[in-house]
Amino acid sequence: MGLAELLESFGEKTVITVAGLLIGTLFGIFAQRSRFCLRSAVVEFWSRQSGTKLTIWLLAFSTAVIATQAFIVGGWLDVSQARQLSARGSISGALVGGLLFGIGMILARGCSSRMLVLAANGNLRALLTGLIFAVTAQASLNGVLSPLRIWLSSLWTIDGGTRDLLAAVHVGHIGGILFGLLWLAAAIHFARRTQLTAREWSGGIGVGLMVAIAWLTTFAVGSNAFDEVLPVQSLSFTGPSADVLMLVLSPPGQPWDFDIGLVPGVVLGSFLAALWGRELKLEGFKDGSSMRRYMAGALCMGFGGMLAGGCAVGAGVSGAAVFALTAWISLIGMWAGAGLADALIDRPERRLALQP
C-alpha cells in the first residue's frame, strides 16, 4: 500500500502520528544503546578528550547532515518551508536560550532527550527532571514565562528566508554534504582511537539517520495530504514534551500529530532497548542538594529550549542539519554554556575528588 492509499484509508493525522511513534521508537533504541548525549560530548570536548561520547555525537551529527542534504540533492526533500528556515527567527533568543540550555544540561547531567531515555530505564531523577522541563516549556510557550520569552526573543530578530546558511555563503547543498563528510571523517578518526564498539557505531549513526528520516517522512506525508496542512519538521523535544503534557492534562479529543507520537515512541524504544540489555534499574536522588541541582537544570533547559526554538536535538542536530542560522547559534550557545557551567561547577568537584 502506497503513501497516498495510507492517507486515504487512515487519514493524515493518524499516519503522521504513527510515523512519529515509529521514528521515536527507533531513536529511543539507538540513543539508549549508544548512550547518545550532548552533555557528555561537551564535557569531553572542554576537557580536551576525544572520548566515546564526543565520537558518538559527531557520528550522529555528521550522519544527520549528510543524509538530510543528500535527500535534498536527490529531490526527495524540500525544507524551504520548514519553520527553522521560513519563519521569522530570533538571534537573541537563540543565543540566550542556547546558553541557558547548555547550563541546564550540566546541572541536570543530561539534555531533554537523554532525560526521556533515562526515565524509561527507571531513572527517577530523569523522570522528575523531564516533568519539570515539560512544565517549564509549556509555561514559556503560553504561561507565566511567556512574556519574558517574547521580550528576549524580540531584542534581535531575523526575517524568514534569510536564515539559510548554505544560501548565505553560496555553497549549496553539495557544500552541506561536504561539510558533513568533514565531520564524519573526524568522527571516524576518533572512533578508531577510542575503539568504538559496533553497538556505539550503529547507535550514533542510527540517531543521525532518524533525524534525516523524520525530515523526509514529514515532507512526504505533508506533500500528499488531502485535507490537512502538515508542517515539515524533524526531531525535537522541547515543544513536543509540552504538547504531550497538555494532552495528558487536557480533556480528550486533542488533535494528534508527529510530536504526539514522537515522545511516547522514544520512551517505548528506550524501555525495550534497556529490557533487552537487562539495564532496567530504579534510581533516585542521593540527597536534597542533588534534587535542587536537577530541578534548576530542568528549569534552565525548559525555558532555554523554548527560547532557542529547540533542544540539543531539535536545534543542535535537526536544525543544524538544514543549516538554519538560529539553530547553529543555539548549538554554539549550548556548547559554550555547558562548557562554562562545567568549568565553574563540576570540574572543581572532580579535582577535589581526585585529591588524596
Protein backbone atom coordinates (compact mmCIF):
# COMPACT_ATOMS: atom_id res chain seq x y z
CA MET A 1 0.00 0.00 0.00
CA GLY A 2 1.43 3.37 -1.06
CA LEU A 3 1.51 6.55 0.96
CA ALA A 4 -1.49 8.05 -0.84
CA GLU A 5 -3.55 4.94 -0.08
CA LEU A 6 -2.49 5.02 3.58
CA LEU A 7 -3.54 8.65 3.88
CA GLU A 8 -6.87 7.99 2.22
CA SER A 9 -7.58 4.93 4.38
CA PHE A 10 -6.45 6.18 7.80
CA GLY A 11 -6.24 9.97 7.50
CA GLU A 12 -3.32 12.38 7.70
CA LYS A 13 -3.35 12.77 11.47
CA THR A 14 -3.22 9.05 12.15
CA VAL A 15 -0.47 8.39 9.62
CA ILE A 16 1.77 11.23 10.80
CA THR A 17 1.26 10.28 14.47
CA VAL A 18 2.16 6.65 13.81
CA ALA A 19 5.19 7.83 11.82
CA GLY A 20 6.29 9.88 14.82
CA LEU A 21 5.78 6.86 17.08
CA LEU A 22 7.87 4.56 14.86
CA ILE A 23 10.69 7.06 14.32
CA GLY A 24 10.68 7.92 18.02
CA THR A 25 10.88 4.25 18.95
CA LEU A 26 13.91 3.71 16.72
CA PHE A 27 15.52 6.89 18.03
CA GLY A 28 14.96 5.67 21.60
CA ILE A 29 16.58 2.32 20.81
CA PHE A 30 19.61 3.87 19.11
CA ALA A 31 20.04 6.58 21.77
CA GLN A 32 19.79 4.12 24.64
CA ARG A 33 22.20 1.59 23.18
CA SER A 34 24.80 4.19 22.15
CA ARG A 35 24.44 6.42 25.25
CA PHE A 36 24.00 9.38 22.90
CA CYS A 37 24.32 12.57 24.96
CA LEU A 38 25.36 16.11 24.04
CA ARG A 39 26.18 16.95 27.64
CA SER A 40 28.77 14.16 27.90
CA ALA A 41 30.20 15.11 24.50
CA VAL A 42 30.62 18.73 25.60
CA VAL A 43 32.34 17.69 28.85
CA GLU A 44 34.82 15.56 26.91
CA PHE A 45 35.44 18.37 24.42
CA TRP A 46 36.15 21.05 27.02
CA SER A 47 38.29 18.57 28.96
CA ARG A 48 40.35 18.11 25.76
CA GLN A 49 39.39 14.46 25.49
CA SER A 50 38.34 12.73 22.28
CA GLY A 51 36.34 10.06 24.10
CA THR A 52 33.46 7.83 23.11
CA LYS A 53 30.68 10.32 23.93
CA LEU A 54 32.14 13.03 21.70
CA THR A 55 32.71 10.47 18.96
CA ILE A 56 29.12 9.18 19.14
CA TRP A 57 27.73 12.71 19.00
CA LEU A 58 29.90 13.51 15.96
CA LEU A 59 28.71 10.33 14.24
CA ALA A 60 25.07 11.28 14.85
CA PHE A 61 25.58 14.91 13.84
CA SER A 62 27.52 14.18 10.64
CA THR A 63 25.12 11.41 9.61
CA ALA A 64 22.13 13.72 10.07
CA VAL A 65 23.77 16.45 7.98
CA ILE A 66 24.90 14.14 5.18
CA ALA A 67 21.63 12.20 4.91
CA THR A 68 19.39 15.29 5.11
CA GLN A 69 21.38 17.19 2.50
CA ALA A 70 21.54 14.08 0.27
CA PHE A 71 17.74 13.79 0.38
CA ILE A 72 17.51 17.43 -0.72
CA VAL A 73 20.04 16.99 -3.53
CA GLY A 74 18.19 13.88 -4.70
CA GLY A 75 14.96 15.85 -4.98
CA TRP A 76 13.15 13.83 -2.32
CA LEU A 77 13.04 16.58 0.31
CA ASP A 78 12.31 20.30 0.35
CA VAL A 79 12.86 22.09 3.65
CA SER A 80 12.37 25.63 2.37
CA GLN A 81 9.01 25.86 4.19
CA ALA A 82 10.31 24.42 7.46
CA ARG A 83 9.84 26.68 10.45
CA GLN A 84 13.59 26.88 11.08
CA LEU A 85 14.13 28.48 7.65
CA SER A 86 10.90 30.20 6.58
CA ALA A 87 9.57 31.78 9.78
CA ARG A 88 10.92 34.91 11.43
CA GLY A 89 13.68 33.92 13.84
CA SER A 90 15.34 35.37 16.91
CA ILE A 91 19.10 35.75 17.14
CA SER A 92 18.86 36.92 20.75
CA GLY A 93 16.57 34.04 21.65
CA ALA A 94 18.91 31.52 20.04
CA LEU A 95 21.95 32.89 21.85
CA VAL A 96 20.43 33.36 25.32
CA GLY A 97 18.33 30.21 25.05
CA GLY A 98 21.28 28.15 23.89
CA LEU A 99 23.42 29.36 26.78
CA LEU A 100 20.67 28.60 29.31
CA PHE A 101 20.03 25.17 27.83
CA GLY A 102 23.75 24.35 27.97
CA ILE A 103 23.93 25.35 31.62
CA GLY A 104 20.82 23.29 32.34
CA MET A 105 22.35 20.23 30.68
CA ILE A 106 25.26 20.32 33.10
CA LEU A 107 23.08 20.85 36.16
CA ALA A 108 20.69 18.05 35.16
CA ARG A 109 23.52 15.81 33.88
CA GLY A 110 21.83 15.33 30.53
CA CYS A 111 19.71 17.07 27.90
CA SER A 112 15.96 16.68 27.40
CA SER A 113 16.21 13.70 25.03
CA ARG A 114 18.61 11.98 27.42
CA MET A 115 16.11 12.53 30.24
CA LEU A 116 13.42 10.71 28.24
CA VAL A 117 15.77 7.81 27.57
CA LEU A 118 16.89 7.51 31.20
CA ALA A 119 13.38 7.89 32.62
CA ALA A 120 12.26 4.93 30.53
CA ASN A 121 15.09 2.89 32.08
CA GLY A 122 13.83 3.54 35.63
CA ASN A 123 15.83 6.67 36.48
CA LEU A 124 13.54 8.66 38.81
CA ARG A 125 15.89 11.66 38.71
CA ALA A 126 15.39 11.87 34.96
CA LEU A 127 11.63 11.39 35.33
CA LEU A 128 11.25 14.34 37.73
CA THR A 129 13.63 16.45 35.64
CA GLY A 130 11.68 15.65 32.48
CA LEU A 131 8.36 16.59 34.09
CA ILE A 132 9.70 19.93 35.34
CA PHE A 133 11.27 20.51 31.92
CA ALA A 134 7.92 19.95 30.19
CA VAL A 135 6.02 22.18 32.63
CA THR A 136 8.59 24.95 32.21
CA ALA A 137 8.48 24.63 28.43
CA GLN A 138 4.69 24.98 28.46
CA ALA A 139 4.89 27.95 30.84
CA SER A 140 7.40 29.54 28.47
CA LEU A 141 5.19 28.95 25.44
CA ASN A 142 1.79 30.10 26.74
CA GLY A 143 2.10 30.56 30.51
CA VAL A 144 3.65 32.86 33.07
CA LEU A 145 7.11 32.78 31.46
CA SER A 146 5.77 33.65 28.00
CA PRO A 147 6.15 37.47 28.34
CA LEU A 148 9.81 37.10 29.30
CA ARG A 149 10.44 34.72 26.40
CA ILE A 150 8.74 37.06 23.93
CA TRP A 151 10.69 40.07 25.21
CA LEU A 152 14.04 38.30 24.96
CA SER A 153 13.17 36.96 21.51
CA SER A 154 12.25 40.43 20.23
CA LEU A 155 15.60 42.00 21.07
CA TRP A 156 17.25 40.83 17.84
CA THR A 157 15.25 39.15 15.10
CA ILE A 158 15.89 37.98 11.55
CA ASP A 159 13.45 37.69 8.66
CA GLY A 160 12.34 34.33 7.36
CA GLY A 161 14.03 33.41 4.12
CA THR A 162 17.39 34.79 5.29
CA ARG A 163 18.15 32.04 7.81
CA ASP A 164 19.63 29.55 5.31
CA LEU A 165 23.39 29.45 5.91
CA LEU A 166 24.10 27.45 2.76
CA ALA A 167 22.37 30.08 0.62
CA ALA A 168 24.07 32.90 2.53
CA VAL A 169 27.58 31.58 1.84
CA HIS A 170 26.69 30.37 -1.70
CA VAL A 171 27.90 26.78 -1.32
CA GLY A 172 24.61 24.96 -1.95
CA HIS A 173 23.54 21.57 -0.69
CA ILE A 174 26.59 19.84 -2.15
CA GLY A 175 28.62 22.08 0.14
CA GLY A 176 26.42 20.90 3.01
CA ILE A 177 27.22 17.27 2.19
CA LEU A 178 30.96 18.03 2.04
CA PHE A 179 30.72 19.78 5.40
CA GLY A 180 29.05 16.71 6.87
CA LEU A 181 31.70 14.43 5.36
CA LEU A 182 34.41 16.51 7.03
CA TRP A 183 32.87 15.90 10.45
CA LEU A 184 32.25 12.25 9.61
CA ALA A 185 35.96 11.87 8.87
CA ALA A 186 36.74 13.41 12.27
CA ALA A 187 34.27 11.01 13.92
CA ILE A 188 35.85 8.01 12.22
CA HIS A 189 39.31 9.16 13.31
CA PHE A 190 38.20 9.48 16.93
CA ALA A 191 36.29 6.19 16.72
CA ARG A 192 39.45 4.35 15.77
CA ARG A 193 41.38 5.96 18.63
CA THR A 194 38.70 5.17 21.20
CA GLN A 195 37.97 1.69 19.79
CA LEU A 196 34.26 2.34 19.48
CA THR A 197 32.12 -0.79 19.72
CA ALA A 198 29.74 -1.94 16.99
CA ARG A 199 26.81 -1.02 19.25
CA GLU A 200 28.12 2.53 19.64
CA TRP A 201 28.83 2.85 15.92
CA SER A 202 25.36 1.71 14.91
CA GLY A 203 23.68 3.73 17.66
CA GLY A 204 25.36 7.01 16.72
CA ILE A 205 24.69 6.56 13.02
CA GLY A 206 21.12 5.44 13.77
CA VAL A 207 20.37 8.58 15.79
CA GLY A 208 21.53 10.75 12.89
CA LEU A 209 19.52 8.76 10.36
CA MET A 210 16.36 9.20 12.42
CA VAL A 211 16.75 12.98 12.18
CA ALA A 212 17.05 12.82 8.38
CA ILE A 213 14.25 10.26 8.03
CA ALA A 214 11.96 12.45 10.14
CA TRP A 215 12.56 15.37 7.77
CA LEU A 216 11.88 13.10 4.78
CA THR A 217 8.77 11.48 6.29
CA THR A 218 7.03 14.67 7.39
CA PHE A 219 7.72 16.25 3.98
CA ALA A 220 6.37 13.20 2.13
CA VAL A 221 3.21 12.99 4.24
CA GLY A 222 2.64 16.74 4.06
CA SER A 223 3.07 16.76 0.28
CA ASN A 224 0.48 14.01 -0.15
CA ALA A 225 -2.02 15.21 2.46
CA PHE A 226 -5.52 15.96 1.19
CA ASP A 227 -7.25 17.94 3.92
CA GLU A 228 -4.55 18.93 6.42
CA VAL A 229 -1.60 21.31 6.17
CA LEU A 230 1.17 19.40 7.94
CA PRO A 231 4.49 21.06 8.82
CA VAL A 232 7.83 19.81 7.54
CA GLN A 233 9.76 19.01 10.72
CA SER A 234 12.22 16.69 12.38
CA LEU A 235 13.07 15.55 15.89
CA SER A 236 12.81 17.98 18.78
CA PHE A 237 11.81 17.54 22.42
CA THR A 238 11.04 20.95 23.91
CA GLY A 239 7.72 21.74 22.26
CA PRO A 240 6.72 18.08 21.90
CA SER A 241 7.26 17.41 25.62
CA ALA A 242 4.98 20.33 26.44
CA ASP A 243 2.40 19.09 23.91
CA VAL A 244 2.35 15.60 25.40
CA LEU A 245 1.98 17.07 28.89
CA MET A 246 -1.02 19.12 27.78
CA LEU A 247 -2.51 16.09 26.01
CA VAL A 248 -2.39 14.20 29.30
CA LEU A 249 -3.81 17.08 31.34
CA SER A 250 -6.42 18.33 28.85
CA PRO A 251 -9.84 16.86 28.08
CA PRO A 252 -9.93 14.04 25.50
CA GLY A 253 -10.14 14.92 21.84
CA GLN A 254 -6.93 16.90 21.41
CA PRO A 255 -5.52 16.69 17.85
CA TRP A 256 -2.71 14.23 17.22
CA ASP A 257 0.41 14.98 15.20
CA PHE A 258 4.01 13.87 14.66
CA ASP A 259 5.19 15.26 18.01
CA ILE A 260 2.46 13.43 19.95
CA GLY A 261 3.74 10.14 18.57
CA LEU A 262 7.41 11.04 18.92
CA VAL A 263 7.75 11.40 22.69
CA PRO A 264 5.97 8.15 23.67
CA GLY A 265 7.94 6.44 20.91
CA VAL A 266 11.27 7.47 22.42
CA VAL A 267 10.15 6.21 25.83
CA LEU A 268 8.99 2.91 24.33
CA GLY A 269 12.18 2.41 22.32
CA SER A 270 14.46 3.17 25.24
CA PHE A 271 12.47 0.85 27.51
CA LEU A 272 12.66 -2.01 25.01
CA ALA A 273 16.40 -1.48 24.50
CA ALA A 274 17.05 -1.43 28.25
CA LEU A 275 14.87 -4.51 28.73
CA TRP A 276 16.79 -6.35 26.02
CA GLY A 277 20.12 -5.29 27.55
CA ARG A 278 18.95 -6.06 31.10
CA GLU A 279 19.60 -2.46 32.13
CA LEU A 280 16.27 -1.56 33.73
CA LYS A 281 17.01 -0.20 37.19
CA LEU A 282 15.25 2.13 39.62
CA GLU A 283 17.49 5.03 40.62
CA GLY A 284 16.72 8.04 42.81
CA PHE A 285 18.32 11.16 44.26
CA LYS A 286 21.22 10.93 46.69
CA ASP A 287 20.16 13.95 48.75
CA GLY A 288 18.28 17.23 48.72
CA SER A 289 21.18 19.16 47.22
CA SER A 290 21.23 16.81 44.25
CA MET A 291 17.49 17.23 43.76
CA ARG A 292 17.76 21.04 43.78
CA ARG A 293 20.50 20.84 41.17
CA TYR A 294 18.41 18.71 38.82
CA MET A 295 15.37 20.92 39.27
CA ALA A 296 17.39 24.04 38.45
CA GLY A 297 18.75 22.30 35.36
CA ALA A 298 15.25 21.37 34.21
CA LEU A 299 14.08 24.99 34.60
CA CYS A 300 17.04 26.27 32.56
CA MET A 301 16.50 23.70 29.82
CA GLY A 302 12.73 24.20 29.63
CA PHE A 303 12.92 27.96 29.30
CA GLY A 304 16.14 27.95 27.29
CA GLY A 305 14.91 25.32 24.84
CA MET A 306 11.67 27.17 24.14
CA LEU A 307 13.54 30.48 23.82
CA ALA A 308 16.12 28.95 21.48
CA GLY A 309 13.49 27.28 19.33
CA GLY A 310 14.74 23.77 20.04
CA CYS A 311 16.69 21.48 22.35
CA ALA A 312 20.04 19.75 21.91
CA VAL A 313 18.44 17.54 19.24
CA GLY A 314 15.85 19.97 17.85
CA ALA A 315 18.21 22.88 17.29
CA GLY A 316 21.55 21.14 17.76
CA VAL A 317 21.04 18.36 15.21
CA SER A 318 17.72 18.72 13.33
CA GLY A 319 18.02 22.48 12.78
CA ALA A 320 21.75 22.32 12.15
CA ALA A 321 21.22 19.59 9.53
CA VAL A 322 19.25 22.06 7.38
CA PHE A 323 21.78 24.82 8.18
CA ALA A 324 19.34 27.19 9.87
CA LEU A 325 21.29 30.19 11.19
CA THR A 326 19.47 30.40 14.52
CA ALA A 327 19.89 26.65 15.09
CA TRP A 328 23.65 26.99 14.69
CA ILE A 329 23.71 29.95 17.09
CA SER A 330 21.72 27.88 19.59
CA LEU A 331 24.10 24.95 19.18
CA ILE A 332 27.15 27.15 19.74
CA GLY A 333 25.42 28.67 22.77
CA MET A 334 24.76 25.20 24.19
CA TRP A 335 28.40 24.20 23.85
CA ALA A 336 29.54 27.50 25.40
CA GLY A 337 27.01 27.45 28.25
CA ALA A 338 27.71 23.82 29.09
CA GLY A 339 31.45 24.39 28.95
CA LEU A 340 31.20 27.38 31.28
CA ALA A 341 28.96 25.56 33.76
CA ASP A 342 31.21 22.50 33.73
CA ALA A 343 34.30 24.66 34.37
CA LEU A 344 32.69 26.55 37.25
CA ILE A 345 30.64 23.77 38.90
CA ASP A 346 31.66 20.23 38.00
CA ARG A 347 35.35 20.47 37.18
CA PRO A 348 36.36 21.82 40.63
CA GLU A 349 34.35 18.98 42.22
CA ARG A 350 36.14 16.41 40.07
CA ARG A 351 39.52 17.85 41.02
CA LEU A 352 38.64 17.69 44.71
CA ALA A 353 37.50 14.08 44.35
CA LEU A 354 40.89 13.12 42.87
CA GLN A 355 42.88 14.66 45.71
CA PRO A 356 44.25 12.18 48.27
